[in-house]
Amino acid sequence: MKGTMTAKVDNKGRLSLPQDLRTQLHIETGDVFFIETDKNDVLRLAKAENPFDILARQALEESKAGKTITLEDFEQKMKKSNRSRK
């Protein structure tokens, strides 16, 4: 989504994002953002995510896609690998 929108800053310094933008970007109350400025005073916002949440989401996606193995299978692969090195 690209385009130009306007937002207002209130007397407490809060920036109000338009509802359409919040909906499109799945921004919810309490979300945290990194804010970066460049030499031209351009603001860049990036949603801050907990890295563990990202890893958990990726792990679930891999599991659902059948890209995981059981601990028992992993153990067997390790044993075979160790035997082949001897």
PDB file of N, CA and C in Angstrom:
ATOM      1  N   MET A   1       0.838  -1.173   0.000  1.00  0.00           N
ATOM      2  CA  MET A   1       0.000   0.000   0.000  1.00  0.00           C
ATOM      3  C   MET A   1       0.883   1.236   0.000  1.00  0.00           C
ATOM      4  N   LYS A   2       0.733   2.036  -1.003  1.00  0.00           N
ATOM      5  CA  LYS A   2       1.458   3.296  -1.068  1.00  0.00           C
ATOM      6  C   LYS A   2       0.452   4.402  -1.265  1.00  0.00           C
ATOM      7  N   GLY A   3       0.827   5.557  -0.837  1.00  0.00           N
ATOM      8  CA  GLY A   3      -0.048   6.696  -0.999  1.00  0.00           C
ATOM      9  C   GLY A   3       0.271   7.733   0.048  1.00  0.00           C
ATOM     10  N   THR A   4      -0.463   8.805   0.006  1.00  0.00           N
ATOM     11  CA  THR A   4      -0.252   9.887   0.956  1.00  0.00           C
ATOM     12  C   THR A   4      -1.501  10.045   1.796  1.00  0.00           C
ATOM     13  N   MET A   5      -1.303  10.136   3.098  1.00  0.00           N
ATOM     14  CA  MET A   5      -2.395  10.365   4.034  1.00  0.00           C
ATOM     15  C   MET A   5      -1.945  11.456   4.987  1.00  0.00           C
ATOM     16  N   THR A   6      -2.876  12.011   5.692  1.00  0.00           N
ATOM     17  CA  THR A   6      -2.521  13.000   6.704  1.00  0.00           C
ATOM     18  C   THR A   6      -2.828  12.436   8.080  1.00  0.00           C
ATOM     19  N   ALA A   7      -2.088  12.930   9.055  1.00  0.00           N
ATOM     20  CA  ALA A   7      -2.306  12.541  10.444  1.00  0.00           C
ATOM     21  C   ALA A   7      -2.073  13.777  11.302  1.00  0.00           C
ATOM     22  N   LYS A   8      -2.751  13.849  12.424  1.00  0.00           N
ATOM     23  CA  LYS A   8      -2.626  15.009  13.306  1.00  0.00           C
ATOM     24  C   LYS A   8      -1.896  14.621  14.585  1.00  0.00           C
ATOM     25  N   VAL A   9      -1.159  15.586  15.112  1.00  0.00           N
ATOM     26  CA  VAL A   9      -0.504  15.430  16.404  1.00  0.00           C
ATOM     27  C   VAL A   9      -1.344  16.194  17.421  1.00  0.00           C
ATOM     28  N   ASP A  10      -1.676  15.535  18.552  1.00  0.00           N
ATOM     29  CA  ASP A  10      -2.476  16.219  19.566  1.00  0.00           C
ATOM     30  C   ASP A  10      -1.565  16.970  20.543  1.00  0.00           C
ATOM     31  N   ASN A  11      -2.178  17.613  21.547  1.00  0.00           N
ATOM     32  CA  ASN A  11      -1.414  18.440  22.479  1.00  0.00           C
ATOM     33  C   ASN A  11      -0.485  17.632  23.389  1.00  0.00           C
ATOM     34  N   LYS A  12      -0.591  16.311  23.373  1.00  0.00           N
ATOM     35  CA  LYS A  12       0.322  15.459  24.141  1.00  0.00           C
ATOM     36  C   LYS A  12       1.402  14.849  23.245  1.00  0.00           C
ATOM     37  N   GLY A  13       1.438  15.263  21.986  1.00  0.00           N
ATOM     38  CA  GLY A  13       2.454  14.778  21.066  1.00  0.00           C
ATOM     39  C   GLY A  13       2.124  13.457  20.402  1.00  0.00           C
ATOM     40  N   ARG A  14       0.905  12.989  20.568  1.00  0.00           N
ATOM     41  CA  ARG A  14       0.505  11.712  19.966  1.00  0.00           C
ATOM     42  C   ARG A  14       0.072  11.914  18.523  1.00  0.00           C
ATOM     43  N   LEU A  15       0.502  11.000  17.690  1.00  0.00           N
ATOM     44  CA  LEU A  15       0.158  11.027  16.273  1.00  0.00           C
ATOM     45  C   LEU A  15      -0.998  10.065  16.049  1.00  0.00           C
ATOM     46  N   SER A  16      -2.086  10.555  15.485  1.00  0.00           N
ATOM     47  CA  SER A  16      -3.255   9.712  15.222  1.00  0.00           C
ATOM     48  C   SER A  16      -3.197   9.194  13.795  1.00  0.00           C
ATOM     49  N   LEU A  17      -3.145   7.881  13.650  1.00  0.00           N
ATOM     50  CA  LEU A  17      -3.117   7.262  12.326  1.00  0.00           C
ATOM     51  C   LEU A  17      -4.547   7.018  11.851  1.00  0.00           C
ATOM     52  N   PRO A  18      -4.819   7.269  10.573  1.00  0.00           N
ATOM     53  CA  PRO A  18      -6.171   7.036  10.053  1.00  0.00           C
ATOM     54  C   PRO A  18      -6.604   5.569  10.225  1.00  0.00           C
ATOM     55  N   GLN A  19      -7.874   5.368  10.481  1.00  0.00           N
ATOM     56  CA  GLN A  19      -8.415   4.023  10.708  1.00  0.00           C
ATOM     57  C   GLN A  19      -8.143   3.096   9.532  1.00  0.00           C
ATOM     58  N   ASP A  20      -8.304   3.586   8.305  1.00  0.00           N
ATOM     59  CA  ASP A  20      -8.049   2.742   7.125  1.00  0.00           C
ATOM     60  C   ASP A  20      -6.623   2.207   7.135  1.00  0.00           C
ATOM     61  N   LEU A  21      -5.671   3.058   7.496  1.00  0.00           N
ATOM     62  CA  LEU A  21      -4.268   2.648   7.548  1.00  0.00           C
ATOM     63  C   LEU A  21      -4.052   1.606   8.641  1.00  0.00           C
ATOM     64  N   ARG A  22      -4.641   1.843   9.813  1.00  0.00           N
ATOM     65  CA  ARG A  22      -4.499   0.885  10.922  1.00  0.00           C
ATOM     66  C   ARG A  22      -5.084  -0.464  10.549  1.00  0.00           C
ATOM     67  N   THR A  23      -6.198  -0.456   9.856  1.00  0.00           N
ATOM     68  CA  THR A  23      -6.832  -1.708   9.441  1.00  0.00           C
ATOM     69  C   THR A  23      -5.967  -2.444   8.425  1.00  0.00           C
ATOM     70  N   GLN A  24      -5.496  -1.728   7.404  1.00  0.00           N
ATOM     71  CA  GLN A  24      -4.686  -2.354   6.352  1.00  0.00           C
ATOM     72  C   GLN A  24      -3.387  -2.930   6.890  1.00  0.00           C
ATOM     73  N   LEU A  25      -2.792  -2.251   7.873  1.00  0.00           N
ATOM     74  CA  LEU A  25      -1.498  -2.685   8.400  1.00  0.00           C
ATOM     75  C   LEU A  25      -1.620  -3.502   9.684  1.00  0.00           C
ATOM     76  N   HIS A  26      -2.842  -3.836  10.055  1.00  0.00           N
ATOM     77  CA  HIS A  26      -3.103  -4.642  11.255  1.00  0.00           C
ATOM     78  C   HIS A  26      -2.468  -4.013  12.502  1.00  0.00           C
ATOM     79  N   ILE A  27      -2.631  -2.710  12.629  1.00  0.00           N
ATOM     80  CA  ILE A  27      -2.111  -1.987  13.786  1.00  0.00           C
ATOM     81  C   ILE A  27      -3.196  -1.972  14.845  1.00  0.00           C
ATOM     82  N   GLU A  28      -2.822  -2.404  16.048  1.00  0.00           N
ATOM     83  CA  GLU A  28      -3.787  -2.489  17.141  1.00  0.00           C
ATOM     84  C   GLU A  28      -3.335  -1.626  18.313  1.00  0.00           C
ATOM     85  N   THR A  29      -4.271  -1.298  19.183  1.00  0.00           N
ATOM     86  CA  THR A  29      -3.961  -0.532  20.379  1.00  0.00           C
ATOM     87  C   THR A  29      -2.857  -1.235  21.164  1.00  0.00           C
ATOM     88  N   GLY A  30      -1.853  -0.475  21.558  1.00  0.00           N
ATOM     89  CA  GLY A  30      -0.753  -1.034  22.341  1.00  0.00           C
ATOM     90  C   GLY A  30       0.432  -1.505  21.519  1.00  0.00           C
ATOM     91  N   ASP A  31       0.299  -1.564  20.190  1.00  0.00           N
ATOM     92  CA  ASP A  31       1.437  -1.959  19.353  1.00  0.00           C
ATOM     93  C   ASP A  31       2.581  -0.966  19.556  1.00  0.00           C
ATOM     94  N   VAL A  32       3.802  -1.472  19.468  1.00  0.00           N
ATOM     95  CA  VAL A  32       4.998  -0.656  19.668  1.00  0.00           C
ATOM     96  C   VAL A  32       5.710  -0.498  18.328  1.00  0.00           C
ATOM     97  N   PHE A  33       6.266   0.696  18.098  1.00  0.00           N
ATOM     98  CA  PHE A  33       6.943   0.991  16.838  1.00  0.00           C
ATOM     99  C   PHE A  33       8.337   1.548  17.081  1.00  0.00           C
ATOM    100  N   PHE A  34       9.244   1.228  16.160  1.00  0.00           N
ATOM    101  CA  PHE A  34      10.530   1.893  16.097  1.00  0.00           C
ATOM    102  C   PHE A  34      10.324   3.126  15.226  1.00  0.00           C
ATOM    103  N   ILE A  35      10.939   4.235  15.611  1.00  0.00           N
ATOM    104  CA  ILE A  35      10.830   5.463  14.830  1.00  0.00           C
ATOM    105  C   ILE A  35      12.233   5.876  14.412  1.00  0.00           C
ATOM    106  N   GLU A  36      12.379   6.164  13.121  1.00  0.00           N
ATOM    107  CA  GLU A  36      13.674   6.562  12.581  1.00  0.00           C
ATOM    108  C   GLU A  36      13.478   7.841  11.780  1.00  0.00           C
ATOM    109  N   THR A  37      14.435   8.746  11.866  1.00  0.00           N
ATOM    110  CA  THR A  37      14.392   9.955  11.049  1.00  0.00           C
ATOM    111  C   THR A  37      15.642  10.000  10.178  1.00  0.00           C
ATOM    112  N   ASP A  38      15.502  10.634   9.025  1.00  0.00           N
ATOM    113  CA  ASP A  38      16.679  10.802   8.168  1.00  0.00           C
ATOM    114  C   ASP A  38      17.076  12.275   8.149  1.00  0.00           C
ATOM    115  N   LYS A  39      18.083  12.591   7.353  1.00  0.00           N
ATOM    116  CA  LYS A  39      18.596  13.969   7.320  1.00  0.00           C
ATOM    117  C   LYS A  39      17.587  14.969   6.764  1.00  0.00           C
ATOM    118  N   ASN A  40      16.555  14.484   6.087  1.00  0.00           N
ATOM    119  CA  ASN A  40      15.513  15.360   5.543  1.00  0.00           C
ATOM    120  C   ASN A  40      14.285  15.421   6.445  1.00  0.00           C
ATOM    121  N   ASP A  41      14.433  14.970   7.691  1.00  0.00           N
ATOM    122  CA  ASP A  41      13.331  14.950   8.668  1.00  0.00           C
ATOM    123  C   ASP A  41      12.167  14.076   8.235  1.00  0.00           C
ATOM    124  N   VAL A  42      12.453  13.032   7.478  1.00  0.00           N
ATOM    125  CA  VAL A  42      11.432  12.062   7.090  1.00  0.00           C
ATOM    126  C   VAL A  42      11.349  11.014   8.195  1.00  0.00           C
ATOM    127  N   LEU A  43      10.140  10.757   8.661  1.00  0.00           N
ATOM    128  CA  LEU A  43       9.919   9.739   9.693  1.00  0.00           C
ATOM    129  C   LEU A  43       9.662   8.393   9.050  1.00  0.00           C
ATOM    130  N   ARG A  44      10.259   7.360   9.612  1.00  0.00           N
ATOM    131  CA  ARG A  44       9.963   5.986   9.188  1.00  0.00           C
ATOM    132  C   ARG A  44       9.530   5.228  10.428  1.00  0.00           C
ATOM    133  N   LEU A  45       8.402   4.555  10.309  1.00  0.00           N
ATOM    134  CA  LEU A  45       7.886   3.739  11.401  1.00  0.00           C
ATOM    135  C   LEU A  45       8.002   2.274  11.022  1.00  0.00           C
ATOM    136  N   ALA A  46       8.430   1.468  11.972  1.00  0.00           N
ATOM    137  CA  ALA A  46       8.479   0.021  11.757  1.00  0.00           C
ATOM    138  C   ALA A  46       7.902  -0.644  12.997  1.00  0.00           C
ATOM    139  N   LYS A  47       6.960  -1.529  12.776  1.00  0.00           N
ATOM    140  CA  LYS A  47       6.328  -2.222  13.890  1.00  0.00           C
ATOM    141  C   LYS A  47       7.364  -3.089  14.603  1.00  0.00           C
ATOM    142  N   ALA A  48       7.481  -2.912  15.891  1.00  0.00           N
ATOM    143  CA  ALA A  48       8.427  -3.688  16.689  1.00  0.00           C
ATOM    144  C   ALA A  48       7.754  -4.988  17.094  1.00  0.00           C
ATOM    145  N   GLU A  49       8.396  -6.100  16.762  1.00  0.00           N
ATOM    146  CA  GLU A  49       7.840  -7.398  17.122  1.00  0.00           C
ATOM    147  C   GLU A  49       8.808  -8.136  18.025  1.00  0.00           C
ATOM    148  N   ASN A  50       8.259  -8.888  18.934  1.00  0.00           N
ATOM    149  CA  ASN A  50       9.066  -9.733  19.801  1.00  0.00           C
ATOM    150  C   ASN A  50       9.687 -10.825  18.934  1.00  0.00           C
ATOM    151  N   PRO A  51      11.020 -10.966  18.953  1.00  0.00           N
ATOM    152  CA  PRO A  51      11.652 -11.980  18.095  1.00  0.00           C
ATOM    153  C   PRO A  51      11.183 -13.400  18.401  1.00  0.00           C
ATOM    154  N   PHE A  52      10.801 -13.660  19.631  1.00  0.00           N
ATOM    155  CA  PHE A  52      10.310 -14.993  19.976  1.00  0.00           C
ATOM    156  C   PHE A  52       8.947 -15.265  19.343  1.00  0.00           C
ATOM    157  N   ASP A  53       8.122 -14.223  19.215  1.00  0.00           N
ATOM    158  CA  ASP A  53       6.839 -14.379  18.527  1.00  0.00           C
ATOM    159  C   ASP A  53       7.059 -14.710  17.056  1.00  0.00           C
ATOM    160  N   ILE A  54       8.053 -14.061  16.445  1.00  0.00           N
ATOM    161  CA  ILE A  54       8.363 -14.325  15.039  1.00  0.00           C
ATOM    162  C   ILE A  54       8.829 -15.767  14.870  1.00  0.00           C
ATOM    163  N   LEU A  55       9.739 -16.214  15.741  1.00  0.00           N
ATOM    164  CA  LEU A  55      10.240 -17.590  15.662  1.00  0.00           C
ATOM    165  C   LEU A  55       9.126 -18.605  15.886  1.00  0.00           C
ATOM    166  N   ALA A  56       8.248 -18.329  16.840  1.00  0.00           N
ATOM    167  CA  ALA A  56       7.144 -19.249  17.116  1.00  0.00           C
ATOM    168  C   ALA A  56       6.213 -19.344  15.914  1.00  0.00           C
ATOM    169  N   ARG A  57       5.921 -18.211  15.286  1.00  0.00           N
ATOM    170  CA  ARG A  57       5.054 -18.202  14.107  1.00  0.00           C
ATOM    171  C   ARG A  57       5.688 -19.002  12.966  1.00  0.00           C
ATOM    172  N   GLN A  58       7.001 -18.814  12.755  1.00  0.00           N
ATOM    173  CA  GLN A  58       7.698 -19.559  11.703  1.00  0.00           C
ATOM    174  C   GLN A  58       7.699 -21.057  12.002  1.00  0.00           C
ATOM    175  N   ALA A  59       7.906 -21.414  13.265  1.00  0.00           N
ATOM    176  CA  ALA A  59       7.921 -22.827  13.644  1.00  0.00           C
ATOM    177  C   ALA A  59       6.559 -23.467  13.400  1.00  0.00           C
ATOM    178  N   LEU A  60       5.495 -22.758  13.735  1.00  0.00           N
ATOM    179  CA  LEU A  60       4.151 -23.292  13.500  1.00  0.00           C
ATOM    180  C   LEU A  60       3.878 -23.466  12.012  1.00  0.00           C
ATOM    181  N   GLU A  61       4.321 -22.504  11.208  1.00  0.00           N
ATOM    182  CA  GLU A  61       4.119 -22.607   9.758  1.00  0.00           C
ATOM    183  C   GLU A  61       4.872 -23.810   9.192  1.00  0.00           C
ATOM    184  N   GLU A  62       6.106 -24.023   9.655  1.00  0.00           N
ATOM    185  CA  GLU A  62       6.883 -25.169   9.179  1.00  0.00           C
ATOM    186  C   GLU A  62       6.247 -26.482   9.618  1.00  0.00           C
ATOM    187  N   SER A  63       5.728 -26.500  10.833  1.00  0.00           N
ATOM    188  CA  SER A  63       5.075 -27.707  11.332  1.00  0.00           C
ATOM    189  C   SER A  63       3.832 -28.032  10.509  1.00  0.00           C
ATOM    190  N   LYS A  64       3.021 -27.014  10.243  1.00  0.00           N
ATOM    191  CA  LYS A  64       1.806 -27.223   9.451  1.00  0.00           C
ATOM    192  C   LYS A  64       2.128 -27.663   8.028  1.00  0.00           C
ATOM    193  N   ALA A  65       3.283 -27.213   7.507  1.00  0.00           N
ATOM    194  CA  ALA A  65       3.689 -27.561   6.142  1.00  0.00           C
ATOM    195  C   ALA A  65       4.389 -28.915   6.088  1.00  0.00           C
ATOM    196  N   GLY A  66       4.522 -29.575   7.240  1.00  0.00           N
ATOM    197  CA  GLY A  66       5.157 -30.891   7.276  1.00  0.00           C
ATOM    198  C   GLY A  66       6.670 -30.849   7.134  1.00  0.00           C
ATOM    199  N   LYS A  67       7.273 -29.732   7.469  1.00  0.00           N
ATOM    200  CA  LYS A  67       8.723 -29.581   7.326  1.00  0.00           C
ATOM    201  C   LYS A  67       9.477 -29.900   8.617  1.00  0.00           C
ATOM    202  N   THR A  68       8.816 -30.532   9.557  1.00  0.00           N
ATOM    203  CA  THR A  68       9.465 -30.854  10.829  1.00  0.00           C
ATOM    204  C   THR A  68       9.539 -32.366  11.009  1.00  0.00           C
ATOM    205  N   ILE A  69      10.384 -32.785  11.947  1.00  0.00           N
ATOM    206  CA  ILE A  69      10.484 -34.207  12.277  1.00  0.00           C
ATOM    207  C   ILE A  69      10.333 -34.362  13.782  1.00  0.00           C
ATOM    208  N   THR A  70      10.048 -35.566  14.206  1.00  0.00           N
ATOM    209  CA  THR A  70       9.898 -35.825  15.636  1.00  0.00           C
ATOM    210  C   THR A  70      11.274 -35.876  16.288  1.00  0.00           C
ATOM    211  N   LEU A  71      11.297 -35.762  17.598  1.00  0.00           N
ATOM    212  CA  LEU A  71      12.563 -35.876  18.327  1.00  0.00           C
ATOM    213  C   LEU A  71      13.191 -37.245  18.128  1.00  0.00           C
ATOM    214  N   GLU A  72      12.350 -38.264  18.062  1.00  0.00           N
ATOM    215  CA  GLU A  72      12.856 -39.622  17.861  1.00  0.00           C
ATOM    216  C   GLU A  72      13.544 -39.749  16.500  1.00  0.00           C
ATOM    217  N   ASP A  73      12.917 -39.191  15.462  1.00  0.00           N
ATOM    218  CA  ASP A  73      13.528 -39.218  14.131  1.00  0.00           C
ATOM    219  C   ASP A  73      14.838 -38.433  14.111  1.00  0.00           C
ATOM    220  N   PHE A  74      14.859 -37.307  14.800  1.00  0.00           N
ATOM    221  CA  PHE A  74      16.076 -36.504  14.876  1.00  0.00           C
ATOM    222  C   PHE A  74      17.190 -37.290  15.563  1.00  0.00           C
ATOM    223  N   GLU A  75      16.839 -37.974  16.638  1.00  0.00           N
ATOM    224  CA  GLU A  75      17.823 -38.781  17.366  1.00  0.00           C
ATOM    225  C   GLU A  75      18.393 -39.877  16.460  1.00  0.00           C
ATOM    226  N   GLN A  76      17.536 -40.530  15.696  1.00  0.00           N
ATOM    227  CA  GLN A  76      17.998 -41.578  14.785  1.00  0.00           C
ATOM    228  C   GLN A  76      18.938 -41.006  13.721  1.00  0.00           C
ATOM    229  N   LYS A  77      18.608 -39.844  13.192  1.00  0.00           N
ATOM    230  CA  LYS A  77      19.476 -39.214  12.192  1.00  0.00           C
ATOM    231  C   LYS A  77      20.837 -38.880  12.794  1.00  0.00           C
ATOM    232  N   MET A  78      20.836 -38.409  14.022  1.00  0.00           N
ATOM    233  CA  MET A  78      22.099 -38.068  14.682  1.00  0.00           C
ATOM    234  C   MET A  78      22.941 -39.323  14.904  1.00  0.00           C
ATOM    235  N   LYS A  79      22.299 -40.403  15.311  1.00  0.00           N
ATOM    236  CA  LYS A  79      23.030 -41.656  15.528  1.00  0.00           C
ATOM    237  C   LYS A  79      23.639 -42.151  14.219  1.00  0.00           C
ATOM    238  N   LYS A  80      22.867 -42.101  13.137  1.00  0.00           N
ATOM    239  CA  LYS A  80      23.379 -42.528  11.830  1.00  0.00           C
ATOM    240  C   LYS A  80      24.542 -41.647  11.393  1.00  0.00           C
ATOM    241  N   SER A  81      24.410 -40.362  11.626  1.00  0.00           N
ATOM    242  CA  SER A  81      25.464 -39.423  11.249  1.00  0.00           C
ATOM    243  C   SER A  81      26.747 -39.700  12.028  1.00  0.00           C
ATOM    244  N   ASN A  82      26.604 -39.986  13.304  1.00  0.00           N
ATOM    245  CA  ASN A  82      27.774 -40.282  14.137  1.00  0.00           C
ATOM    246  C   ASN A  82      28.430 -41.586  13.713  1.00  0.00           C
ATOM    247  N   ARG A  83      27.627 -42.577  13.334  1.00  0.00           N
ATOM    248  CA  ARG A  83      28.183 -43.866  12.890  1.00  0.00           C
ATOM    249  C   ARG A  83      28.965 -43.706  11.588  1.00  0.00           C
ATOM    250  N   SER A  84      28.469 -42.872  10.701  1.00  0.00           N
ATOM    251  CA  SER A  84      29.135 -42.709   9.403  1.00  0.00           C
ATOM    252  C   SER A  84      30.459 -41.953   9.529  1.00  0.00           C
ATOM    253  N   ARG A  85      30.651 -41.234  10.602  1.00  0.00           N
ATOM    254  CA  ARG A  85      31.896 -40.494  10.820  1.00  0.00           C
ATOM    255  C   ARG A  85      33.007 -41.383  11.365  1.00  0.00           C
ATOM    256  N   LYS A  86      32.648 -42.531  11.901  1.00  0.00           N
ATOM    257  CA  LYS A  86      33.647 -43.412  12.533  1.00  0.00           C
ATOM    258  C   LYS A  86      34.391 -44.226  11.528  1.00  0.00           C
TER     259      LYS A  86
END
